[in-house]
Every structure is written in C-alpha cells, then in structure tokens.
C-alpha cells in the first residue's frame, strides 16, 4: 500500500464513507510504503500495520547546473491557500529589506495577500499568477533560496522542495511537525528549518546566504542522491519484489 498522505480537514460525512474501506486496505496490506519517516510517525495508518518502508517521491531534470552566487532572491511556489502560510513570508520580508521574495501560484487567498502587500506598502514581495509550467524552470534558475512556510500536515511531502533542490536552491522550511518537508530538509546541510517567528526566519535566511555556495552544492547533491526518478523506481521495485 503506497501511503502519501492522510486525508485531513475534510467533512465528517466523507470520513464515515471512506474510513472503513481505508482501514481494511491498511489491515490487508503486507507493507505500507510511506513517502517520509516524519509523516509516518504522525500518520494513523502506522497504528494498524507495523510493516513499512520509506520511499520518497521524485522529480527529474535533464540539465544539472551548479549555482555560482546568490542575488538574495527568495522564492515560494504553491497554491495560495491558508496552510501554505504565505502571509507569514510576506510579513517576514519587513526584516529583510535587501532581499526580494517572489510567490508563484494561484488560489483563493490571492486577494488577501495582494491587499496586504498594497495596504502595508511592501516593496520587496511580488506575486506571479497564471504562470505557464514551461516558465517554472527559468523562475527556479533566477532565484536563490526556496522557502516553504506550510504549517499543517496538509503539506504531506512538499515535492516542490525537491524540485528546488534539483536547481541547486537551498531550502528553508517551517517547523511543521508531522510533514514530510522536515524529512527533505537536512538541517544545516541542504537548508535550514525555522520556527514560525519572523526574527528566526530572517536570521536563517541570512545564515544560508552567508554560506550560500556550500548550501547550494549540498542541495543539488541531496537531490541527486535521493530524489531522482531512477532512485524512486529502484526503491519501489525492490519493495514490490520483497512483497511477492
């Protein structure tokens, strides 16, 4: 059974319909494959089946190129919804006047975020919407540090983090207990984990920038070692073979 995420924050009726079927699937599974250890530890699925493996998700890039410097450009990509916690990132930029933040995405919180930026005259944050997927590689290439401030387990893994690593971007993630994003961020190696406090976030940004080339090199290395499609296929194939 491949277990990517628990269903969270859904209505009671939906839970009543699918939960019994879900529990039966768990009980009859020979093994549950989780995408991260951090998520497994908080998932209720672990209570019903003790046999498990960890196989992280993957992404693929054809061109690998090391970044050579930082221009102090921060990036966050994802749907503009509450649990992504983009408002925290925008507020934190008041402590980082020499840095720029680009938020890429669409969603119901766009007006809320845009109005906050306008009302508070935030000069160093911009939101890009309606972006074609073909433009995403260039956006990664032209930014330096990737930030993910999600604050609930609705962020089950954060595949955008491994996309960022594949472009040599160090990652900065919030202390979101039970989310796979904490497994991806090798603290003090390919990035840093911040408390949800503006001063801590700003300090961690500066720490990455001060040792940027080292963090960037480790970011790309962690992608190549753990998150390529070939790695995912090999790991999944091994687990399926063992299950037989």
Protein backbone atom coordinates (compact mmCIF):
# COMPACT_ATOMS: atom_id res chain seq x y z
CA UNK A 1 0.00 0.00 0.00
CA UNK A 2 1.56 3.33 -1.06
CA UNK A 3 0.68 5.93 1.54
CA UNK A 4 1.35 9.52 0.55
CA UNK A 5 -0.95 11.43 2.89
CA UNK A 6 -3.74 11.21 5.40
CA UNK A 7 -6.92 12.98 4.41
CA UNK A 8 -7.11 15.97 6.74
CA UNK A 9 -9.63 18.76 7.29
CA UNK A 10 -12.45 17.00 5.41
CA UNK A 11 -16.08 16.83 6.46
CA UNK A 12 -17.48 14.17 8.80
CA UNK A 13 -19.75 12.54 6.19
CA UNK A 14 -16.82 11.92 3.85
CA UNK A 15 -14.86 10.38 6.71
CA UNK A 16 -17.70 8.00 7.55
CA UNK A 17 -17.89 6.83 3.93
CA UNK A 18 -14.23 6.16 3.18
CA UNK A 19 -12.65 5.44 6.58
CA UNK A 20 -13.84 1.79 6.95
CA UNK A 21 -12.59 0.94 3.44
CA UNK A 22 -9.30 2.68 4.16
CA UNK A 23 -8.75 0.75 7.39
CA UNK A 24 -9.43 -2.55 5.62
CA UNK A 25 -6.85 -1.70 2.97
CA UNK A 26 -4.33 -0.98 5.71
CA UNK A 27 -5.05 -4.21 7.57
CA UNK A 28 -4.69 -6.39 4.46
CA UNK A 29 -1.55 -4.68 3.19
CA UNK A 30 1.66 -6.69 3.51
CA UNK A 31 3.57 -3.47 3.87
CA UNK A 32 2.86 0.26 3.81
CA UNK A 33 5.23 2.43 1.80
CA UNK A 34 5.36 5.96 3.24
CA UNK A 35 6.96 8.90 1.45
CA UNK A 36 8.79 10.13 4.56
CA UNK A 37 9.61 8.99 8.09
CA UNK A 38 8.42 12.30 9.51
CA UNK A 39 4.95 11.81 8.02
CA UNK A 40 4.77 8.14 9.05
CA UNK A 41 5.35 8.99 12.69
CA UNK A 42 2.20 11.15 12.76
CA UNK A 43 0.01 9.05 10.44
CA UNK A 44 -2.77 6.99 11.96
CA UNK A 45 -2.00 4.25 9.40
CA UNK A 46 1.03 3.18 11.46
CA UNK A 47 -1.32 2.09 14.27
CA UNK A 48 -2.82 -0.70 12.16
CA UNK A 49 0.22 -2.10 10.38
CA UNK A 50 3.78 -2.24 11.68
CA UNK A 51 5.45 -3.37 8.45
CA UNK A 52 6.59 -0.37 6.45
CA UNK A 53 9.22 1.17 4.18
CA UNK A 54 10.18 4.74 3.32
CA UNK A 55 10.34 5.68 -0.37
CA UNK A 56 10.41 9.44 -1.04
CA UNK A 57 8.81 10.93 -4.13
CA UNK A 58 10.94 12.08 -7.05
CA UNK A 59 11.29 14.53 -9.90
CA UNK A 60 13.53 14.66 -12.96
CA UNK A 61 15.74 17.26 -14.56
CA UNK A 62 17.68 16.86 -17.79
CA UNK A 63 20.13 19.71 -17.19
CA UNK A 64 22.10 19.90 -13.95
CA UNK A 65 23.97 23.14 -13.30
CA UNK A 66 25.55 24.47 -10.12
CA UNK A 67 24.57 27.94 -8.96
CA UNK A 68 27.59 30.19 -8.53
CA UNK A 69 26.29 33.03 -6.37
CA UNK A 70 23.29 34.45 -4.53
CA UNK A 71 21.42 37.60 -5.57
CA UNK A 72 19.26 37.47 -2.42
CA UNK A 73 16.15 36.36 -4.30
CA UNK A 74 13.74 34.19 -2.32
CA UNK A 75 11.11 32.00 -3.97
CA UNK A 76 7.95 30.19 -2.89
CA UNK A 77 5.72 28.18 -5.23
CA UNK A 78 2.34 26.66 -4.45
CA UNK A 79 -1.40 27.20 -4.23
CA UNK A 80 -2.45 30.36 -2.47
CA UNK A 81 -4.32 28.69 0.39
CA UNK A 82 -4.25 29.09 4.17
CA UNK A 83 -1.99 26.17 5.10
CA UNK A 84 0.77 27.42 2.77
CA UNK A 85 1.11 30.30 5.25
CA UNK A 86 2.29 32.80 2.64
CA UNK A 87 1.18 35.71 4.82
CA UNK A 88 3.98 34.78 7.23
CA UNK A 89 6.56 35.04 4.46
CA UNK A 90 5.26 38.44 3.37
CA UNK A 91 5.35 39.80 6.92
CA UNK A 92 8.86 38.41 7.45
CA UNK A 93 10.19 40.36 4.48
CA UNK A 94 9.96 43.53 6.55
CA UNK A 95 13.07 42.22 8.34
CA UNK A 96 14.86 41.56 5.05
CA UNK A 97 14.82 44.84 3.11
CA UNK A 98 17.83 43.79 0.99
CA UNK A 99 16.07 40.64 -0.22
CA UNK A 100 13.29 40.03 -2.73
CA UNK A 101 10.52 37.42 -2.41
CA UNK A 102 8.58 36.00 -5.36
CA UNK A 103 5.44 33.98 -4.63
CA UNK A 104 4.24 31.90 -7.58
CA UNK A 105 0.75 30.42 -7.59
CA UNK A 106 -2.98 30.81 -7.87
CA UNK A 107 -5.73 30.24 -5.35
CA UNK A 108 -8.45 31.72 -3.12
CA UNK A 109 -6.00 33.71 -0.95
CA UNK A 110 -4.69 35.87 -3.79
CA UNK A 111 -6.81 38.91 -2.93
CA UNK A 112 -5.97 38.65 0.76
CA UNK A 113 -2.23 38.51 0.06
CA UNK A 114 -2.32 41.21 -2.63
CA UNK A 115 -4.28 43.57 -0.39
CA UNK A 116 -1.86 43.06 2.49
CA UNK A 117 1.10 43.90 0.23
CA UNK A 118 -0.67 47.00 -1.09
CA UNK A 119 -2.02 48.21 2.26
CA UNK A 120 1.31 47.82 4.02
CA UNK A 121 3.34 49.13 1.07
CA UNK A 122 5.53 46.02 0.94
CA UNK A 123 8.10 46.80 -1.74
CA UNK A 124 10.13 43.57 -1.81
CA UNK A 125 7.39 40.99 -2.47
CA UNK A 126 5.64 40.16 -5.73
CA UNK A 127 3.04 37.52 -6.58
CA UNK A 128 3.05 35.86 -10.01
CA UNK A 129 -0.17 34.17 -11.09
CA UNK A 130 -1.26 32.30 -14.22
CA UNK A 131 2.28 31.07 -14.81
CA UNK A 132 2.82 28.51 -17.56
CA UNK A 133 4.62 25.36 -16.39
CA UNK A 134 7.18 25.94 -19.13
CA UNK A 135 8.22 29.14 -17.33
CA UNK A 136 8.87 27.42 -14.00
CA UNK A 137 12.45 26.23 -14.78
CA UNK A 138 13.54 29.79 -15.56
CA UNK A 139 11.94 31.01 -12.33
CA UNK A 140 13.97 28.47 -10.35
CA UNK A 141 17.14 29.44 -12.22
CA UNK A 142 16.71 33.15 -11.45
CA UNK A 143 16.12 32.70 -7.71
CA UNK A 144 18.43 31.65 -4.91
CA UNK A 145 16.66 30.27 -1.83
CA UNK A 146 13.39 28.35 -1.76
CA UNK A 147 11.00 28.96 1.17
CA UNK A 148 8.10 26.78 2.29
CA UNK A 149 6.16 28.06 5.30
CA UNK A 150 3.33 25.48 5.32
CA UNK A 151 2.10 24.96 8.87
CA UNK A 152 -0.20 21.90 8.80
CA UNK A 153 0.04 18.25 7.73
CA UNK A 154 -1.98 19.14 4.64
CA UNK A 155 1.57 19.65 3.33
CA UNK A 156 2.23 15.92 3.25
CA UNK A 157 5.56 15.96 1.41
CA UNK A 158 6.34 19.15 -0.49
CA UNK A 159 7.52 17.87 -3.85
CA UNK A 160 8.30 21.47 -4.83
CA UNK A 161 11.15 21.26 -2.30
CA UNK A 162 12.92 18.52 -4.25
CA UNK A 163 12.32 20.48 -7.44
CA UNK A 164 14.10 23.39 -5.79
CA UNK A 165 16.97 21.13 -4.69
CA UNK A 166 17.35 19.91 -8.27
CA UNK A 167 18.12 23.50 -9.30
CA UNK A 168 20.67 23.90 -6.52
CA UNK A 169 18.42 26.08 -4.38
CA UNK A 170 18.92 25.69 -0.61
CA UNK A 171 15.58 25.19 1.13
CA UNK A 172 14.14 26.99 4.13
CA UNK A 173 11.17 25.22 5.74
CA UNK A 174 8.97 25.85 8.75
CA UNK A 175 8.99 23.58 11.81
CA UNK A 176 5.86 21.77 10.63
CA UNK A 177 5.81 18.62 12.77
CA UNK A 178 4.47 15.55 11.00
CA UNK A 179 5.07 16.90 7.49
CA UNK A 180 7.45 15.28 5.03
CA UNK A 181 9.01 18.67 4.39
CA UNK A 182 11.07 18.16 7.57
CA UNK A 183 12.49 14.91 6.18
CA UNK A 184 13.54 16.61 2.94
CA UNK A 185 15.32 19.47 4.69
CA UNK A 186 18.61 18.15 6.03
CA UNK A 187 19.03 20.90 8.59
CA UNK A 188 22.33 22.82 8.27
CA UNK A 189 23.19 20.86 5.11
CA UNK A 190 20.83 21.47 2.18
CA UNK A 191 18.88 24.12 4.05
CA UNK A 192 17.57 25.25 7.42
CA UNK A 193 14.42 24.73 9.48
CA UNK A 194 12.89 27.85 11.03
CA UNK A 195 10.49 28.43 13.90
CA UNK A 196 7.36 30.32 12.91
CA UNK A 197 8.82 33.55 14.24
CA UNK A 198 9.72 36.39 11.91
CA UNK A 199 13.10 37.09 13.51
CA UNK A 200 14.11 33.43 13.33
CA UNK A 201 13.11 33.22 9.67
CA UNK A 202 15.11 36.34 8.82
CA UNK A 203 18.17 35.07 10.68
CA UNK A 204 18.01 31.71 8.90
CA UNK A 205 17.80 33.43 5.50
CA UNK A 206 20.96 35.37 6.30
CA UNK A 207 22.77 32.25 7.54
CA UNK A 208 22.08 30.49 4.24
CA UNK A 209 23.18 33.49 2.25
CA UNK A 210 26.44 33.79 4.22
CA UNK A 211 27.42 30.23 3.24
CA UNK A 212 25.44 30.11 0.03
CA UNK A 213 27.73 28.08 -2.21
CA UNK A 214 28.09 25.34 0.39
CA UNK A 215 24.32 25.11 0.93
CA UNK A 216 23.69 25.18 -2.83
CA UNK A 217 26.19 22.42 -3.51
CA UNK A 218 24.62 20.24 -0.81
CA UNK A 219 21.14 20.98 -2.16
CA UNK A 220 21.99 19.62 -5.58
CA UNK A 221 23.85 16.66 -4.08
CA UNK A 222 20.89 15.66 -1.89
CA UNK A 223 18.63 15.72 -4.95
CA UNK A 224 20.99 13.51 -6.98
CA UNK A 225 21.39 11.05 -4.12
CA UNK A 226 17.76 10.73 -3.04
CA UNK A 227 15.12 12.19 -5.34
CA UNK A 228 15.70 11.23 -8.98
CA UNK A 229 13.10 9.17 -10.83
CA UNK A 230 15.54 6.29 -11.24
CA UNK A 231 16.08 6.20 -7.47
CA UNK A 232 12.33 6.13 -6.88
CA UNK A 233 11.78 3.34 -9.41
CA UNK A 234 14.59 1.23 -7.97
CA UNK A 235 13.30 1.61 -4.43
CA UNK A 236 9.68 0.88 -5.31
CA UNK A 237 10.71 -2.13 -7.42
CA UNK A 238 12.67 -3.55 -4.50
CA UNK A 239 9.70 -3.24 -2.13
CA UNK A 240 7.30 -4.84 -4.63
CA UNK A 241 9.71 -7.73 -5.19
CA UNK A 242 10.02 -8.28 -1.44
CA UNK A 243 6.23 -8.23 -1.06
CA UNK A 244 5.87 -11.06 -3.58
